């Protein structure tokens, strides 16, 4: 109950829904734009006209009329800039374990599987609010003793390409009476081929004040289907102990696969590090 109240307190002020009106549309046949629809698909072309109900888009294969209620966002595109014609990064809202401040879009979500045995599903109820829930499926462990977790996330674009976010969640095996409560706040600068993210996260067991960590990372998409991803943690209360990670993300239009390594500090002799794998499918 305590976690639920905290989540509601955090999330209620952020409820809001983006809408496109005729005044938001710039008619300029000399400019190339991307029109992102509510279902996540993207159309590229030039806007020829706009009415109270629809826009007229000139594409390479002809003209298309799009009802404004179907439009989520319209953004300018520089086709001379490498990467601007690539499909959208399907996993822009998170690094490996940690989220970025970039929010999922309303009615979108994903399923993530980590190490085969850990599953979670995220869903955005608005352009600023998303919820995630998951569980483990470890063989020979009873259902009542599996790991269960739930989180809520808020994210806003506060300036072009700059995002602030935060979230609160709980994780527990067997009972939520002694749940691990996790809170975080972060900042992300997103650009056309990746992002840079930094933040702070805290860990507590119910009323017992726990520890905190600073984290930073990002991803850089060096070709359309592959990006480099890193996620790193500093624990000031433990003598500035480090946990470092690095790996590759292989992407399709609706899915991604991560192959990475985590290292507990720089001096540990464990080769490349502890392997990490996950799979994400977007819907």
C-alpha atoms as a PDB file:
ATOM      1  CA  UNK A   1       0.000   0.000   0.000  1.00  0.00           C
ATOM      2  CA  UNK A   2       2.854   2.370   0.887  1.00  0.00           C
ATOM      3  CA  UNK A   3       4.451   1.842  -2.517  1.00  0.00           C
ATOM      4  CA  UNK A   4       1.131   2.383  -4.313  1.00  0.00           C
ATOM      5  CA  UNK A   5       0.560   5.727  -2.557  1.00  0.00           C
ATOM      6  CA  UNK A   6       4.069   6.881  -3.419  1.00  0.00           C
ATOM      7  CA  UNK A   7       3.586   5.926  -7.060  1.00  0.00           C
ATOM      8  CA  UNK A   8       0.294   7.794  -7.302  1.00  0.00           C
ATOM      9  CA  UNK A   9       1.808  10.865  -5.667  1.00  0.00           C
ATOM     10  CA  UNK A  10       4.649  10.779  -8.187  1.00  0.00           C
ATOM     11  CA  UNK A  11       2.584  10.107 -11.276  1.00  0.00           C
ATOM     12  CA  UNK A  12      -0.672  12.033 -10.951  1.00  0.00           C
ATOM     13  CA  UNK A  13       0.790  15.496 -11.688  1.00  0.00           C
ATOM     14  CA  UNK A  14       2.152  14.234 -14.992  1.00  0.00           C
ATOM     15  CA  UNK A  15      -1.048  13.045 -16.628  1.00  0.00           C
ATOM     16  CA  UNK A  16      -1.435  14.727 -19.966  1.00  0.00           C
ATOM     17  CA  UNK A  17      -1.846  13.839 -23.617  1.00  0.00           C
ATOM     18  CA  UNK A  18      -0.165  15.328 -26.666  1.00  0.00           C
ATOM     19  CA  UNK A  19      -2.475  16.436 -29.447  1.00  0.00           C
ATOM     20  CA  UNK A  20      -1.815  17.830 -32.908  1.00  0.00           C
ATOM     21  CA  UNK A  21      -3.954  20.760 -34.056  1.00  0.00           C
ATOM     22  CA  UNK A  22      -3.934  22.590 -37.430  1.00  0.00           C
ATOM     23  CA  UNK A  23      -2.006  25.471 -35.845  1.00  0.00           C
ATOM     24  CA  UNK A  24       0.809  23.034 -34.975  1.00  0.00           C
ATOM     25  CA  UNK A  25       1.347  22.140 -38.644  1.00  0.00           C
ATOM     26  CA  UNK A  26       3.682  24.179 -40.831  1.00  0.00           C
ATOM     27  CA  UNK A  27       2.837  24.022 -44.539  1.00  0.00           C
ATOM     28  CA  UNK A  28       6.068  24.189 -46.539  1.00  0.00           C
ATOM     29  CA  UNK A  29       6.514  22.012 -49.604  1.00  0.00           C
ATOM     30  CA  UNK A  30      10.266  22.725 -49.641  1.00  0.00           C
ATOM     31  CA  UNK A  31      10.850  21.058 -46.255  1.00  0.00           C
ATOM     32  CA  UNK A  32      11.038  17.330 -45.552  1.00  0.00           C
ATOM     33  CA  UNK A  33       9.306  16.106 -42.403  1.00  0.00           C
ATOM     34  CA  UNK A  34       8.602  12.862 -40.602  1.00  0.00           C
ATOM     35  CA  UNK A  35       4.970  12.315 -39.605  1.00  0.00           C
ATOM     36  CA  UNK A  36       4.794   9.815 -36.753  1.00  0.00           C
ATOM     37  CA  UNK A  37       1.400   8.167 -36.360  1.00  0.00           C
ATOM     38  CA  UNK A  38      -0.257   6.979 -33.163  1.00  0.00           C
ATOM     39  CA  UNK A  39       0.557   3.360 -34.056  1.00  0.00           C
ATOM     40  CA  UNK A  40       4.286   4.162 -34.251  1.00  0.00           C
ATOM     41  CA  UNK A  41       4.666   4.075 -38.039  1.00  0.00           C
ATOM     42  CA  UNK A  42       6.489   6.966 -39.722  1.00  0.00           C
ATOM     43  CA  UNK A  43       5.727   8.654 -43.050  1.00  0.00           C
ATOM     44  CA  UNK A  44       8.293  10.912 -44.738  1.00  0.00           C
ATOM     45  CA  UNK A  45       7.472  13.690 -47.180  1.00  0.00           C
ATOM     46  CA  UNK A  46       6.512  17.358 -47.527  1.00  0.00           C
ATOM     47  CA  UNK A  47       3.338  18.954 -46.179  1.00  0.00           C
ATOM     48  CA  UNK A  48       1.331  20.552 -48.980  1.00  0.00           C
ATOM     49  CA  UNK A  49      -1.758  21.661 -47.057  1.00  0.00           C
ATOM     50  CA  UNK A  50      -3.626  21.360 -43.776  1.00  0.00           C
ATOM     51  CA  UNK A  51      -7.300  21.595 -42.889  1.00  0.00           C
ATOM     52  CA  UNK A  52      -9.241  21.324 -39.652  1.00  0.00           C
ATOM     53  CA  UNK A  53      -9.246  17.532 -39.985  1.00  0.00           C
ATOM     54  CA  UNK A  54      -6.291  16.356 -42.074  1.00  0.00           C
ATOM     55  CA  UNK A  55      -2.919  17.095 -43.612  1.00  0.00           C
ATOM     56  CA  UNK A  56      -1.844  16.505 -47.205  1.00  0.00           C
ATOM     57  CA  UNK A  57       1.577  14.849 -47.419  1.00  0.00           C
ATOM     58  CA  UNK A  58       3.583  14.585 -50.622  1.00  0.00           C
ATOM     59  CA  UNK A  59       5.619  11.361 -50.581  1.00  0.00           C
ATOM     60  CA  UNK A  60       7.926   9.901 -53.210  1.00  0.00           C
ATOM     61  CA  UNK A  61       5.146   7.598 -54.461  1.00  0.00           C
ATOM     62  CA  UNK A  62       2.289  10.137 -54.391  1.00  0.00           C
ATOM     63  CA  UNK A  63       0.087  12.211 -52.126  1.00  0.00           C
ATOM     64  CA  UNK A  64      -1.420  10.946 -48.868  1.00  0.00           C
ATOM     65  CA  UNK A  65      -4.155  12.498 -46.732  1.00  0.00           C
ATOM     66  CA  UNK A  66      -3.752  11.834 -42.998  1.00  0.00           C
ATOM     67  CA  UNK A  67      -6.394  12.577 -40.378  1.00  0.00           C
ATOM     68  CA  UNK A  68      -4.967  14.743 -37.579  1.00  0.00           C
ATOM     69  CA  UNK A  69      -6.271  12.354 -34.917  1.00  0.00           C
ATOM     70  CA  UNK A  70      -3.835   9.732 -36.264  1.00  0.00           C
ATOM     71  CA  UNK A  71      -0.801  12.027 -35.935  1.00  0.00           C
ATOM     72  CA  UNK A  72       1.400  11.836 -32.836  1.00  0.00           C
ATOM     73  CA  UNK A  73       4.259  14.113 -33.897  1.00  0.00           C
ATOM     74  CA  UNK A  74       5.637  16.036 -36.883  1.00  0.00           C
ATOM     75  CA  UNK A  75       9.359  16.779 -36.976  1.00  0.00           C
ATOM     76  CA  UNK A  76      11.768  18.259 -39.511  1.00  0.00           C
ATOM     77  CA  UNK A  77      14.276  15.936 -41.178  1.00  0.00           C
ATOM     78  CA  UNK A  78      17.663  16.760 -42.662  1.00  0.00           C
ATOM     79  CA  UNK A  79      18.113  14.028 -45.250  1.00  0.00           C
ATOM     80  CA  UNK A  80      21.751  15.034 -45.793  1.00  0.00           C
ATOM     81  CA  UNK A  81      22.599  14.006 -42.216  1.00  0.00           C
ATOM     82  CA  UNK A  82      23.641  10.372 -41.913  1.00  0.00           C
ATOM     83  CA  UNK A  83      21.246   8.286 -39.860  1.00  0.00           C
ATOM     84  CA  UNK A  84      18.137  10.416 -40.291  1.00  0.00           C
ATOM     85  CA  UNK A  85      16.610   7.900 -42.705  1.00  0.00           C
ATOM     86  CA  UNK A  86      17.158   4.955 -40.371  1.00  0.00           C
ATOM     87  CA  UNK A  87      14.217   3.333 -38.603  1.00  0.00           C
ATOM     88  CA  UNK A  88      13.618   4.515 -35.040  1.00  0.00           C
ATOM     89  CA  UNK A  89      15.663   2.957 -32.237  1.00  0.00           C
ATOM     90  CA  UNK A  90      13.237   0.338 -30.828  1.00  0.00           C
ATOM     91  CA  UNK A  91      14.813   0.431 -27.346  1.00  0.00           C
ATOM     92  CA  UNK A  92      15.418   4.145 -26.741  1.00  0.00           C
ATOM     93  CA  UNK A  93      13.729   4.195 -23.299  1.00  0.00           C
ATOM     94  CA  UNK A  94      16.356   2.126 -21.482  1.00  0.00           C
ATOM     95  CA  UNK A  95      20.022   1.163 -21.384  1.00  0.00           C
ATOM     96  CA  UNK A  96      20.522  -2.376 -20.015  1.00  0.00           C
ATOM     97  CA  UNK A  97      18.916  -2.387 -16.565  1.00  0.00           C
ATOM     98  CA  UNK A  98      18.415   1.349 -16.077  1.00  0.00           C
ATOM     99  CA  UNK A  99      15.875   3.520 -17.891  1.00  0.00           C
ATOM    100  CA  UNK A 100      16.646   6.676 -19.774  1.00  0.00           C
ATOM    101  CA  UNK A 101      14.546   9.779 -19.126  1.00  0.00           C
ATOM    102  CA  UNK A 102      12.994   9.467 -22.590  1.00  0.00           C
ATOM    103  CA  UNK A 103       9.381   8.347 -22.119  1.00  0.00           C
ATOM    104  CA  UNK A 104       7.593   5.668 -24.052  1.00  0.00           C
ATOM    105  CA  UNK A 105       4.793   6.974 -26.225  1.00  0.00           C
ATOM    106  CA  UNK A 106       1.146   6.512 -25.320  1.00  0.00           C
ATOM    107  CA  UNK A 107      -0.241   3.014 -25.995  1.00  0.00           C
ATOM    108  CA  UNK A 108       3.211   1.613 -26.791  1.00  0.00           C
ATOM    109  CA  UNK A 109       5.265  -0.834 -24.766  1.00  0.00           C
ATOM    110  CA  UNK A 110       7.651  -3.737 -24.835  1.00  0.00           C
ATOM    111  CA  UNK A 111       8.356  -7.226 -23.517  1.00  0.00           C
ATOM    112  CA  UNK A 112      11.876  -7.820 -22.202  1.00  0.00           C
ATOM    113  CA  UNK A 113      13.562 -11.110 -21.370  1.00  0.00           C
ATOM    114  CA  UNK A 114      16.854 -11.118 -19.430  1.00  0.00           C
ATOM    115  CA  UNK A 115      18.983 -14.255 -19.030  1.00  0.00           C
ATOM    116  CA  UNK A 116      15.983 -16.352 -20.210  1.00  0.00           C
ATOM    117  CA  UNK A 117      14.617 -16.540 -16.631  1.00  0.00           C
ATOM    118  CA  UNK A 118      13.608 -12.895 -16.022  1.00  0.00           C
ATOM    119  CA  UNK A 119      10.634 -11.297 -17.781  1.00  0.00           C
ATOM    120  CA  UNK A 120       9.035  -7.878 -17.717  1.00  0.00           C
ATOM    121  CA  UNK A 121       6.429  -5.955 -19.668  1.00  0.00           C
ATOM    122  CA  UNK A 122       6.181  -2.164 -19.947  1.00  0.00           C
ATOM    123  CA  UNK A 123       3.194  -0.146 -21.151  1.00  0.00           C
ATOM    124  CA  UNK A 124       2.709   3.620 -21.529  1.00  0.00           C
ATOM    125  CA  UNK A 125      -0.669   4.966 -20.428  1.00  0.00           C
ATOM    126  CA  UNK A 126       0.225   8.438 -21.732  1.00  0.00           C
ATOM    127  CA  UNK A 127       3.125  10.150 -23.486  1.00  0.00           C
ATOM    128  CA  UNK A 128       4.673  10.813 -20.057  1.00  0.00           C
ATOM    129  CA  UNK A 129       3.743   7.837 -17.864  1.00  0.00           C
ATOM    130  CA  UNK A 130       4.601   4.145 -18.148  1.00  0.00           C
ATOM    131  CA  UNK A 131       4.329   1.136 -15.853  1.00  0.00           C
ATOM    132  CA  UNK A 132       6.490  -1.983 -15.797  1.00  0.00           C
ATOM    133  CA  UNK A 133       5.819  -5.310 -14.129  1.00  0.00           C
ATOM    134  CA  UNK A 134       7.764  -8.534 -14.188  1.00  0.00           C
ATOM    135  CA  UNK A 135       8.670 -11.836 -12.601  1.00  0.00           C
ATOM    136  CA  UNK A 136      11.283 -14.558 -12.681  1.00  0.00           C
ATOM    137  CA  UNK A 137      10.866 -18.148 -13.847  1.00  0.00           C
ATOM    138  CA  UNK A 138      13.822 -19.883 -12.198  1.00  0.00           C
ATOM    139  CA  UNK A 139      13.647 -23.686 -12.465  1.00  0.00           C
ATOM    140  CA  UNK A 140      13.140 -25.648  -9.219  1.00  0.00           C
ATOM    141  CA  UNK A 141      11.978 -22.491  -7.396  1.00  0.00           C
ATOM    142  CA  UNK A 142       8.304 -22.437  -6.368  1.00  0.00           C
ATOM    143  CA  UNK A 143       5.991 -19.771  -7.768  1.00  0.00           C
ATOM    144  CA  UNK A 144       5.591 -18.159  -4.339  1.00  0.00           C
ATOM    145  CA  UNK A 145       9.357 -17.713  -4.027  1.00  0.00           C
ATOM    146  CA  UNK A 146      10.008 -16.244  -7.477  1.00  0.00           C
ATOM    147  CA  UNK A 147      11.053 -12.610  -7.828  1.00  0.00           C
ATOM    148  CA  UNK A 148       8.255 -10.125  -8.589  1.00  0.00           C
ATOM    149  CA  UNK A 149       8.648  -6.417  -9.306  1.00  0.00           C
ATOM    150  CA  UNK A 150       6.639  -3.368 -10.336  1.00  0.00           C
ATOM    151  CA  UNK A 151       7.744   0.170 -11.281  1.00  0.00           C
ATOM    152  CA  UNK A 152       6.247   3.428 -12.487  1.00  0.00           C
ATOM    153  CA  UNK A 153       8.130   5.891 -14.687  1.00  0.00           C
ATOM    154  CA  UNK A 154       7.575   9.556 -15.556  1.00  0.00           C
ATOM    155  CA  UNK A 155       9.453  11.354 -18.336  1.00  0.00           C
ATOM    156  CA  UNK A 156       9.212  14.789 -19.943  1.00  0.00           C
ATOM    157  CA  UNK A 157      10.950  16.566 -22.794  1.00  0.00           C
ATOM    158  CA  UNK A 158      11.867  19.883 -21.165  1.00  0.00           C
ATOM    159  CA  UNK A 159      13.683  21.272 -24.219  1.00  0.00           C
ATOM    160  CA  UNK A 160      14.498  19.994 -27.684  1.00  0.00           C
ATOM    161  CA  UNK A 161      16.384  16.738 -27.105  1.00  0.00           C
ATOM    162  CA  UNK A 162      16.574  17.201 -23.309  1.00  0.00           C
ATOM    163  CA  UNK A 163      14.556  14.989 -20.960  1.00  0.00           C
ATOM    164  CA  UNK A 164      13.973  14.709 -17.217  1.00  0.00           C
ATOM    165  CA  UNK A 165      12.555  11.570 -15.653  1.00  0.00           C
ATOM    166  CA  UNK A 166      12.002   9.660 -12.462  1.00  0.00           C
ATOM    167  CA  UNK A 167      10.418   6.548 -11.110  1.00  0.00           C
ATOM    168  CA  UNK A 168       9.592   4.410  -8.115  1.00  0.00           C
ATOM    169  CA  UNK A 169       9.212   0.670  -7.773  1.00  0.00           C
ATOM    170  CA  UNK A 170       9.339  -2.377  -5.546  1.00  0.00           C
ATOM    171  CA  UNK A 171      10.818  -5.859  -5.902  1.00  0.00           C
ATOM    172  CA  UNK A 172      10.419  -8.869  -3.649  1.00  0.00           C
ATOM    173  CA  UNK A 173      10.496 -12.634  -3.458  1.00  0.00           C
ATOM    174  CA  UNK A 174       7.732 -14.348  -1.511  1.00  0.00           C
ATOM    175  CA  UNK A 175       6.091 -11.229  -0.008  1.00  0.00           C
ATOM    176  CA  UNK A 176       6.044  -7.479  -0.572  1.00  0.00           C
ATOM    177  CA  UNK A 177       6.122  -6.872   3.194  1.00  0.00           C
ATOM    178  CA  UNK A 178       9.944  -6.765   3.021  1.00  0.00           C
ATOM    179  CA  UNK A 179      10.176  -5.349  -0.481  1.00  0.00           C
ATOM    180  CA  UNK A 180      13.224  -3.685  -1.924  1.00  0.00           C
ATOM    181  CA  UNK A 181      12.060  -0.165  -2.813  1.00  0.00           C
ATOM    182  CA  UNK A 182      13.908   1.542  -5.644  1.00  0.00           C
ATOM    183  CA  UNK A 183      13.634   5.190  -6.628  1.00  0.00           C
ATOM    184  CA  UNK A 184      15.502   7.126  -9.261  1.00  0.00           C
ATOM    185  CA  UNK A 185      15.772  10.489 -11.001  1.00  0.00           C
ATOM    186  CA  UNK A 186      17.624  11.015 -14.263  1.00  0.00           C
ATOM    187  CA  UNK A 187      18.443  13.268 -17.182  1.00  0.00           C
ATOM    188  CA  UNK A 188      18.890  12.292 -20.846  1.00  0.00           C
ATOM    189  CA  UNK A 189      20.185  14.217 -23.797  1.00  0.00           C
ATOM    190  CA  UNK A 190      18.905  12.489 -26.911  1.00  0.00           C
ATOM    191  CA  UNK A 191      20.326  13.070 -30.360  1.00  0.00           C
ATOM    192  CA  UNK A 192      19.658  11.527 -33.746  1.00  0.00           C
ATOM    193  CA  UNK A 193      22.095   8.606 -33.286  1.00  0.00           C
ATOM    194  CA  UNK A 194      21.877   7.953 -29.561  1.00  0.00           C
ATOM    195  CA  UNK A 195      21.663   9.415 -26.076  1.00  0.00           C
ATOM    196  CA  UNK A 196      23.657  10.293 -22.964  1.00  0.00           C
ATOM    197  CA  UNK A 197      22.004   9.556 -19.604  1.00  0.00           C
ATOM    198  CA  UNK A 198      22.931  10.289 -16.002  1.00  0.00           C
ATOM    199  CA  UNK A 199      21.076   9.970 -12.724  1.00  0.00           C
ATOM    200  CA  UNK A 200      20.877   8.765  -9.150  1.00  0.00           C
ATOM    201  CA  UNK A 201      19.102   5.687  -7.823  1.00  0.00           C
ATOM    202  CA  UNK A 202      18.334   4.668  -4.234  1.00  0.00           C
ATOM    203  CA  UNK A 203      17.698   1.267  -2.645  1.00  0.00           C
ATOM    204  CA  UNK A 204      15.776   0.726   0.610  1.00  0.00           C
ATOM    205  CA  UNK A 205      14.037  -2.103   2.481  1.00  0.00           C
ATOM    206  CA  UNK A 206      10.708  -0.650   3.648  1.00  0.00           C
ATOM    207  CA  UNK A 207      11.466   1.844   6.470  1.00  0.00           C
ATOM    208  CA  UNK A 208      15.205   1.167   6.542  1.00  0.00           C
ATOM    209  CA  UNK A 209      17.149   3.821   4.648  1.00  0.00           C
ATOM    210  CA  UNK A 210      19.407   2.079   2.183  1.00  0.00           C
ATOM    211  CA  UNK A 211      22.201   3.127  -0.091  1.00  0.00           C
ATOM    212  CA  UNK A 212      22.386   5.081  -3.295  1.00  0.00           C
ATOM    213  CA  UNK A 213      24.324   4.970  -6.541  1.00  0.00           C
ATOM    214  CA  UNK A 214      25.138   7.420  -9.284  1.00  0.00           C
ATOM    215  CA  UNK A 215      24.802   6.038 -12.770  1.00  0.00           C
ATOM    216  CA  UNK A 216      25.745   7.252 -16.207  1.00  0.00           C
ATOM    217  CA  UNK A 217      25.774   5.757 -19.675  1.00  0.00           C
ATOM    218  CA  UNK A 218      24.374   6.022 -23.127  1.00  0.00           C
ATOM    219  CA  UNK A 219      24.231   4.495 -26.549  1.00  0.00           C
ATOM    220  CA  UNK A 220      25.623   5.404 -29.940  1.00  0.00           C
ATOM    221  CA  UNK A 221      24.222   3.966 -33.154  1.00  0.00           C
ATOM    222  CA  UNK A 222      27.144   3.639 -35.546  1.00  0.00           C
ATOM    223  CA  UNK A 223      25.196   1.759 -38.248  1.00  0.00           C
ATOM    224  CA  UNK A 224      21.442   1.343 -38.692  1.00  0.00           C
ATOM    225  CA  UNK A 225      21.118  -2.018 -36.944  1.00  0.00           C
ATOM    226  CA  UNK A 226      23.928  -1.914 -34.355  1.00  0.00           C
ATOM    227  CA  UNK A 227      24.663   0.475 -31.508  1.00  0.00           C
ATOM    228  CA  UNK A 228      27.201   0.566 -28.695  1.00  0.00           C
ATOM    229  CA  UNK A 229      25.651   0.729 -25.194  1.00  0.00           C
ATOM    230  CA  UNK A 230      27.252   1.373 -21.810  1.00  0.00           C
ATOM    231  CA  UNK A 231      25.760   1.608 -18.301  1.00  0.00           C
ATOM    232  CA  UNK A 232      27.924   2.341 -15.253  1.00  0.00           C
ATOM    233  CA  UNK A 233      27.391   2.777 -11.506  1.00  0.00           C
ATOM    234  CA  UNK A 234      29.344   4.508  -8.740  1.00  0.00           C
ATOM    235  CA  UNK A 235      28.590   3.672  -5.076  1.00  0.00           C
ATOM    236  CA  UNK A 236      29.921   6.625  -2.988  1.00  0.00           C
ATOM    237  CA  UNK A 237      29.080   4.986   0.350  1.00  0.00           C
ATOM    238  CA  UNK A 238      31.225   1.986  -0.551  1.00  0.00           C
ATOM    239  CA  UNK A 239      34.392   3.916  -1.247  1.00  0.00           C
ATOM    240  CA  UNK A 240      33.357   4.908  -4.771  1.00  0.00           C
ATOM    241  CA  UNK A 241      33.123   1.297  -5.909  1.00  0.00           C
ATOM    242  CA  UNK A 242      32.426   0.961  -9.626  1.00  0.00           C
ATOM    243  CA  UNK A 243      30.311  -1.331 -11.762  1.00  0.00           C
ATOM    244  CA  UNK A 244      31.028  -0.873 -15.459  1.00  0.00           C
ATOM    245  CA  UNK A 245      29.363  -2.319 -18.535  1.00  0.00           C
ATOM    246  CA  UNK A 246      29.695  -2.232 -22.289  1.00  0.00           C
ATOM    247  CA  UNK A 247      28.145  -4.103 -25.184  1.00  0.00           C
ATOM    248  CA  UNK A 248      26.370  -4.119 -28.511  1.00  0.00           C
ATOM    249  CA  UNK A 249      22.683  -3.761 -29.300  1.00  0.00           C
ATOM    250  CA  UNK A 250      21.464  -5.464 -32.474  1.00  0.00           C
ATOM    251  CA  UNK A 251      18.230  -3.910 -33.716  1.00  0.00           C
ATOM    252  CA  UNK A 252      15.289  -4.498 -36.004  1.00  0.00           C
ATOM    253  CA  UNK A 253      12.316  -2.178 -36.407  1.00  0.00           C
ATOM    254  CA  UNK A 254      10.370  -3.798 -33.541  1.00  0.00           C
ATOM    255  CA  UNK A 255      12.978  -5.724 -31.559  1.00  0.00           C
ATOM    256  CA  UNK A 256      16.501  -5.642 -30.183  1.00  0.00           C
ATOM    257  CA  UNK A 257      19.058  -8.051 -28.734  1.00  0.00           C
ATOM    258  CA  UNK A 258      21.800  -7.012 -26.290  1.00  0.00           C
ATOM    259  CA  UNK A 259      25.119  -8.784 -25.814  1.00  0.00           C
ATOM    260  CA  UNK A 260      27.185  -7.085 -23.118  1.00  0.00           C
ATOM    261  CA  UNK A 261      29.592  -7.528 -20.205  1.00  0.00           C
ATOM    262  CA  UNK A 262      29.488  -6.154 -16.638  1.00  0.00           C
ATOM    263  CA  UNK A 263      32.674  -5.588 -14.641  1.00  0.00           C
ATOM    264  CA  UNK A 264      32.825  -4.942 -10.864  1.00  0.00           C
ATOM    265  CA  UNK A 265      35.533  -2.268 -11.040  1.00  0.00           C
ATOM    266  CA  UNK A 266      38.651  -1.997 -13.140  1.00  0.00           C
ATOM    267  CA  UNK A 267      41.109  -4.127 -11.197  1.00  0.00           C
ATOM    268  CA  UNK A 268      39.115  -7.383 -11.133  1.00  0.00           C
ATOM    269  CA  UNK A 269      40.683 -10.128 -13.225  1.00  0.00           C
ATOM    270  CA  UNK A 270      37.558 -11.568 -14.874  1.00  0.00           C
ATOM    271  CA  UNK A 271      38.409 -11.122 -18.536  1.00  0.00           C
ATOM    272  CA  UNK A 272      35.771  -9.257 -20.507  1.00  0.00           C
ATOM    273  CA  UNK A 273      33.405  -9.350 -17.523  1.00  0.00           C
ATOM    274  CA  UNK A 274      30.164 -11.087 -16.556  1.00  0.00           C
ATOM    275  CA  UNK A 275      28.095 -11.765 -19.709  1.00  0.00           C
ATOM    276  CA  UNK A 276      24.706 -10.088 -20.027  1.00  0.00           C
ATOM    277  CA  UNK A 277      22.061 -10.925 -22.641  1.00  0.00           C
ATOM    278  CA  UNK A 278      18.529  -9.701 -23.153  1.00  0.00           C
ATOM    279  CA  UNK A 279      15.852  -9.591 -25.831  1.00  0.00           C
ATOM    280  CA  UNK A 280      13.230  -6.847 -26.284  1.00  0.00           C
ATOM    281  CA  UNK A 281      10.124  -6.935 -28.473  1.00  0.00           C
ATOM    282  CA  UNK A 282       8.185  -3.696 -28.943  1.00  0.00           C
ATOM    283  CA  UNK A 283       4.434  -3.381 -29.486  1.00  0.00           C
END
